[in-house]
Amino acid sequence: AMNLASAPAEKISSLIMRTATPLFANVMDDLAQARRYYLIIVEVLSLSIIPLMAGLVIVAPQAITLLFGGDKWLAAARPLQWLGAFMIMRVLGTLAEQVLVSQRLTKFTMRMSILNFIVMPPAFIVAARWYGPNGVAAAWLALSPLTVLPLLIILLKKIKLSFGEFAMSLIPALSGAVVMCLAVLGLNRILPQSWPLAVRLAAQIAMGGVAYGAFILAFFRARIQRYVNFISSLRSPKQAVEQPAS
């Protein structure tokens, strides 16, 4: 479940974060630029990660059955759903940690790593005793306010970014994900159960992608073009700093 949940999130986030690190290092003393780039990258990541993870949560049982064959691994579906939701927090926390390092707050990030090391193992043991693998997976998400949220709070305070501005950067992805989930759930209710599982799963994925893409392009087309230009500029961090995305 952890491998399935983390693979798409890590592959997408790593593509952006490899170039984001030197970018933030170049603007470490310019808080206005740091805020600008942080909001853009948060929105780019959320636009890709949130719908992927939301879709994975919805189709987890069908995906597990199809990928691993039969119902043998179906018990992994619920942990996969918990971890899929947690991966959204994890990606945002990883980005926040990188920006904090560029702002010379390495002591704080080290303390957060130590806190994770102290808090998580006992939580896993307790959760495993009570709820088994489902509890262990849920513990990641349940403790994210303690293990991830402080990174975001300190970062927003450091770069003087309001929580409202941060929340607004997540609105396109969150609203698009809601529309996508409703479309997938609605389609799932009318799909004939006699259809092969692979066909039904492919139809749900296609419906989710079309619904999400149509919604984003209909209401946030200008932002998408802005992000395309920004990601292109990340290939040359120096150029991105000299000519920030508008």
Protein backbone atom coordinates (compact mmCIF):
# COMPACT_ATOMS: atom_id res chain seq x y z
CA ALA A 1 0.00 0.00 0.00
CA MET A 2 2.81 2.40 0.84
CA ASN A 3 4.59 1.65 -2.44
CA LEU A 4 1.45 2.25 -4.48
CA ALA A 5 0.53 5.44 -2.62
CA SER A 6 3.99 7.00 -2.66
CA ALA A 7 5.14 6.15 -6.19
CA PRO A 8 3.09 8.70 -8.21
CA ALA A 9 3.45 11.46 -5.61
CA GLU A 10 7.21 11.06 -5.29
CA LYS A 11 7.82 10.85 -9.04
CA ILE A 12 5.91 14.05 -9.74
CA SER A 13 7.21 16.02 -6.77
CA SER A 14 10.83 15.01 -7.40
CA LEU A 15 10.70 16.46 -10.91
CA ILE A 16 9.84 19.89 -9.52
CA MET A 17 11.77 19.84 -6.26
CA ARG A 18 15.11 19.02 -7.88
CA THR A 19 15.05 22.42 -9.53
CA ALA A 20 13.10 24.18 -6.77
CA THR A 21 15.93 23.71 -4.27
CA PRO A 22 18.51 25.89 -6.09
CA LEU A 23 15.74 28.31 -7.02
CA PHE A 24 14.85 28.98 -3.38
CA ALA A 25 18.53 29.13 -2.46
CA ASN A 26 18.93 31.98 -4.95
CA VAL A 27 16.09 33.99 -3.40
CA MET A 28 16.73 33.18 0.25
CA ASP A 29 17.13 36.87 1.15
CA ASP A 30 14.21 38.08 -0.96
CA LEU A 31 11.06 37.13 0.93
CA ALA A 32 8.75 38.56 -1.72
CA GLN A 33 10.26 36.29 -4.36
CA ALA A 34 10.31 33.33 -1.96
CA ARG A 35 6.59 33.80 -1.29
CA ARG A 36 5.88 34.12 -5.01
CA TYR A 37 7.72 30.98 -6.02
CA TYR A 38 6.46 29.00 -3.05
CA LEU A 39 2.81 29.73 -3.88
CA ILE A 40 3.33 28.85 -7.54
CA ILE A 41 5.05 25.54 -6.75
CA VAL A 42 2.46 24.65 -4.11
CA GLU A 43 -0.28 25.16 -6.67
CA VAL A 44 1.57 23.23 -9.38
CA LEU A 45 2.14 20.30 -7.02
CA SER A 46 -1.42 20.35 -5.70
CA LEU A 47 -2.89 20.42 -9.20
CA SER A 48 -1.14 17.14 -9.98
CA ILE A 49 -0.90 15.35 -6.62
CA ILE A 50 -4.35 16.01 -5.12
CA PRO A 51 -6.40 14.58 -8.04
CA LEU A 52 -4.07 11.59 -8.32
CA MET A 53 -4.37 10.75 -4.65
CA ALA A 54 -8.11 11.46 -4.53
CA GLY A 55 -8.65 9.18 -7.52
CA LEU A 56 -6.51 6.49 -5.94
CA VAL A 57 -8.56 6.64 -2.75
CA ILE A 58 -11.80 6.15 -4.72
CA VAL A 59 -10.67 3.26 -6.94
CA ALA A 60 -8.32 1.57 -4.45
CA PRO A 61 -10.33 -1.69 -4.10
CA GLN A 62 -10.70 -2.13 -7.87
CA ALA A 63 -7.08 -1.17 -8.51
CA ILE A 64 -5.76 -3.63 -5.92
CA THR A 65 -7.91 -6.45 -7.28
CA LEU A 66 -6.87 -5.77 -10.87
CA LEU A 67 -3.16 -5.19 -10.27
CA PHE A 68 -2.55 -8.11 -7.94
CA GLY A 69 -5.18 -10.53 -9.17
CA GLY A 70 -8.30 -11.67 -7.37
CA ASP A 71 -9.19 -10.72 -3.81
CA LYS A 72 -6.01 -12.03 -2.19
CA TRP A 73 -4.57 -8.54 -1.63
CA LEU A 74 -7.87 -6.73 -1.14
CA ALA A 75 -7.00 -6.09 2.51
CA ALA A 76 -4.40 -3.60 1.27
CA ALA A 77 -7.12 -1.35 -0.15
CA ARG A 78 -8.02 0.41 3.11
CA PRO A 79 -4.38 1.14 4.07
CA LEU A 80 -3.87 2.41 0.53
CA GLN A 81 -6.77 4.83 0.98
CA TRP A 82 -5.35 6.19 4.25
CA LEU A 83 -1.87 6.54 2.79
CA GLY A 84 -3.16 8.13 -0.40
CA ALA A 85 -4.72 10.92 1.65
CA PHE A 86 -1.54 11.26 3.73
CA MET A 87 0.67 11.63 0.65
CA ILE A 88 -0.90 15.03 -0.04
CA MET A 89 0.30 16.24 3.35
CA ARG A 90 3.66 14.57 2.89
CA VAL A 91 4.40 16.30 -0.41
CA LEU A 92 3.44 19.70 0.98
CA GLY A 93 5.57 19.03 4.05
CA THR A 94 8.58 18.01 1.97
CA LEU A 95 8.38 21.22 -0.05
CA ALA A 96 8.03 23.29 3.13
CA GLU A 97 11.09 21.56 4.58
CA GLN A 98 13.17 22.42 1.51
CA VAL A 99 12.17 26.08 1.70
CA LEU A 100 12.92 26.15 5.43
CA VAL A 101 16.41 24.82 4.72
CA SER A 102 16.95 27.59 2.16
CA GLN A 103 15.87 30.05 4.87
CA ARG A 104 18.61 28.68 7.18
CA LEU A 105 16.16 26.98 9.55
CA THR A 106 17.97 23.65 9.49
CA LYS A 107 17.84 23.30 13.28
CA PHE A 108 14.07 23.37 13.18
CA THR A 109 13.86 20.78 10.39
CA MET A 110 16.28 18.58 12.34
CA ARG A 111 14.10 18.84 15.44
CA MET A 112 11.05 17.90 13.40
CA SER A 113 12.89 14.81 12.12
CA ILE A 114 13.73 13.86 15.69
CA LEU A 115 10.10 14.41 16.71
CA ASN A 116 8.99 12.06 13.93
CA PHE A 117 11.48 9.46 15.10
CA ILE A 118 10.20 9.69 18.68
CA VAL A 119 6.45 9.90 17.99
CA MET A 120 5.79 7.63 15.02
CA PRO A 121 7.12 4.20 16.18
CA PRO A 122 5.02 4.16 19.39
CA ALA A 123 2.02 5.34 17.37
CA PHE A 124 2.52 2.48 14.91
CA ILE A 125 2.74 -0.07 17.73
CA VAL A 126 -0.42 1.18 19.43
CA ALA A 127 -2.33 1.47 16.15
CA ALA A 128 -1.23 -2.01 15.05
CA ARG A 129 -2.42 -3.55 18.32
CA TRP A 130 -5.83 -1.88 18.03
CA TYR A 131 -6.57 -1.88 14.30
CA GLY A 132 -3.82 -3.84 12.56
CA PRO A 133 -2.44 -2.61 9.21
CA ASN A 134 -5.37 -0.20 8.78
CA GLY A 135 -4.44 1.49 12.04
CA VAL A 136 -0.77 1.80 11.08
CA ALA A 137 -1.72 3.45 7.78
CA ALA A 138 -4.23 5.74 9.50
CA ALA A 139 -1.59 6.78 12.03
CA TRP A 140 0.39 8.54 9.28
CA LEU A 141 -2.58 10.77 8.50
CA ALA A 142 -3.83 11.15 12.08
CA LEU A 143 -0.46 12.43 13.30
CA SER A 144 0.22 14.71 10.32
CA PRO A 145 -0.99 17.78 12.31
CA LEU A 146 1.91 17.05 14.66
CA THR A 147 4.54 15.87 12.18
CA VAL A 148 3.79 17.99 9.08
CA LEU A 149 1.67 20.99 10.05
CA PRO A 150 4.39 22.68 12.17
CA LEU A 151 6.62 22.80 9.08
CA LEU A 152 3.94 24.73 7.21
CA ILE A 153 3.18 27.05 10.13
CA ILE A 154 6.81 28.02 10.70
CA LEU A 155 7.42 28.46 6.98
CA LEU A 156 4.41 30.74 6.50
CA LYS A 157 5.57 32.81 9.45
CA LYS A 158 9.16 32.96 8.19
CA ILE A 159 8.32 34.16 4.66
CA LYS A 160 5.45 36.34 5.92
CA LEU A 161 2.74 34.52 3.99
CA SER A 162 -0.79 34.49 5.36
CA PHE A 163 -2.64 31.23 5.81
CA GLY A 164 -5.44 32.61 3.64
CA GLU A 165 -3.09 33.09 0.67
CA PHE A 166 -1.70 29.60 1.16
CA ALA A 167 -5.19 28.10 1.33
CA MET A 168 -6.26 29.96 -1.82
CA SER A 169 -3.39 28.34 -3.75
CA LEU A 170 -4.98 24.95 -3.01
CA ILE A 171 -8.49 25.92 -4.12
CA PRO A 172 -8.15 24.97 -7.82
CA ALA A 173 -6.88 21.47 -7.06
CA LEU A 174 -9.31 20.84 -4.20
CA SER A 175 -12.36 22.05 -6.10
CA GLY A 176 -11.31 20.14 -9.21
CA ALA A 177 -10.76 16.99 -7.15
CA VAL A 178 -14.27 17.28 -5.67
CA VAL A 179 -15.77 17.54 -9.16
CA MET A 180 -13.66 14.59 -10.30
CA CYS A 181 -14.70 12.40 -7.36
CA LEU A 182 -18.37 13.17 -7.88
CA ALA A 183 -18.07 12.29 -11.56
CA VAL A 184 -16.30 9.00 -10.83
CA LEU A 185 -18.74 8.00 -8.09
CA GLY A 186 -21.69 8.86 -10.32
CA LEU A 187 -20.30 6.80 -13.18
CA ASN A 188 -19.60 3.88 -10.86
CA ARG A 189 -23.26 3.76 -9.88
CA ILE A 190 -24.44 3.32 -13.46
CA LEU A 191 -21.70 1.08 -14.87
CA PRO A 192 -22.97 -2.47 -15.45
CA GLN A 193 -21.35 -4.84 -12.97
CA SER A 194 -21.25 -7.43 -15.75
CA TRP A 195 -18.48 -5.46 -17.47
CA PRO A 196 -14.92 -6.71 -16.88
CA LEU A 197 -13.17 -5.03 -13.96
CA ALA A 198 -10.44 -3.64 -16.22
CA VAL A 199 -13.03 -1.96 -18.44
CA ARG A 200 -14.91 -0.46 -15.50
CA LEU A 201 -11.70 0.81 -13.91
CA ALA A 202 -10.50 2.31 -17.20
CA ALA A 203 -13.86 4.04 -17.65
CA GLN A 204 -13.68 5.53 -14.15
CA ILE A 205 -10.12 6.76 -14.68
CA ALA A 206 -11.06 8.30 -18.02
CA MET A 207 -14.13 9.97 -16.55
CA GLY A 208 -12.11 11.35 -13.64
CA GLY A 209 -9.42 12.72 -15.93
CA VAL A 210 -11.90 14.34 -18.30
CA ALA A 211 -13.98 15.86 -15.48
CA TYR A 212 -10.92 17.24 -13.68
CA GLY A 213 -9.26 18.56 -16.82
CA ALA A 214 -12.45 20.18 -18.11
CA PHE A 215 -13.11 21.88 -14.77
CA ILE A 216 -9.57 23.23 -14.42
CA LEU A 217 -9.43 24.48 -18.01
CA ALA A 218 -12.86 26.05 -17.72
CA PHE A 219 -12.18 28.01 -14.53
CA PHE A 220 -8.38 28.23 -14.18
CA ARG A 221 -7.01 28.27 -17.74
CA ALA A 222 -4.90 31.41 -17.16
CA ARG A 223 -3.24 29.84 -14.14
CA ILE A 224 -2.37 26.71 -16.08
CA GLN A 225 -0.58 28.74 -18.73
CA ARG A 226 1.24 30.62 -16.01
CA TYR A 227 2.45 27.38 -14.48
CA VAL A 228 3.56 25.97 -17.81
CA ASN A 229 5.71 29.05 -18.33
CA PHE A 230 7.06 28.84 -14.80
CA ILE A 231 8.03 25.18 -15.01
CA SER A 232 9.80 25.90 -18.29
CA SER A 233 11.77 28.65 -16.56
CA LEU A 234 12.82 26.22 -13.81
CA ARG A 235 15.18 24.61 -16.29
CA SER A 236 17.32 27.69 -15.73
CA PRO A 237 16.98 28.78 -12.08
CA LYS A 238 19.06 31.90 -12.73
CA GLN A 239 16.72 32.98 -15.49
CA ALA A 240 13.70 32.21 -13.31
CA VAL A 241 15.00 34.53 -10.61
CA GLU A 242 15.80 37.30 -13.06
CA GLN A 243 12.47 36.97 -14.89
CA PRO A 244 9.84 35.76 -12.38
CA ALA A 245 6.58 34.32 -13.64
CA SER A 246 3.83 36.88 -13.89
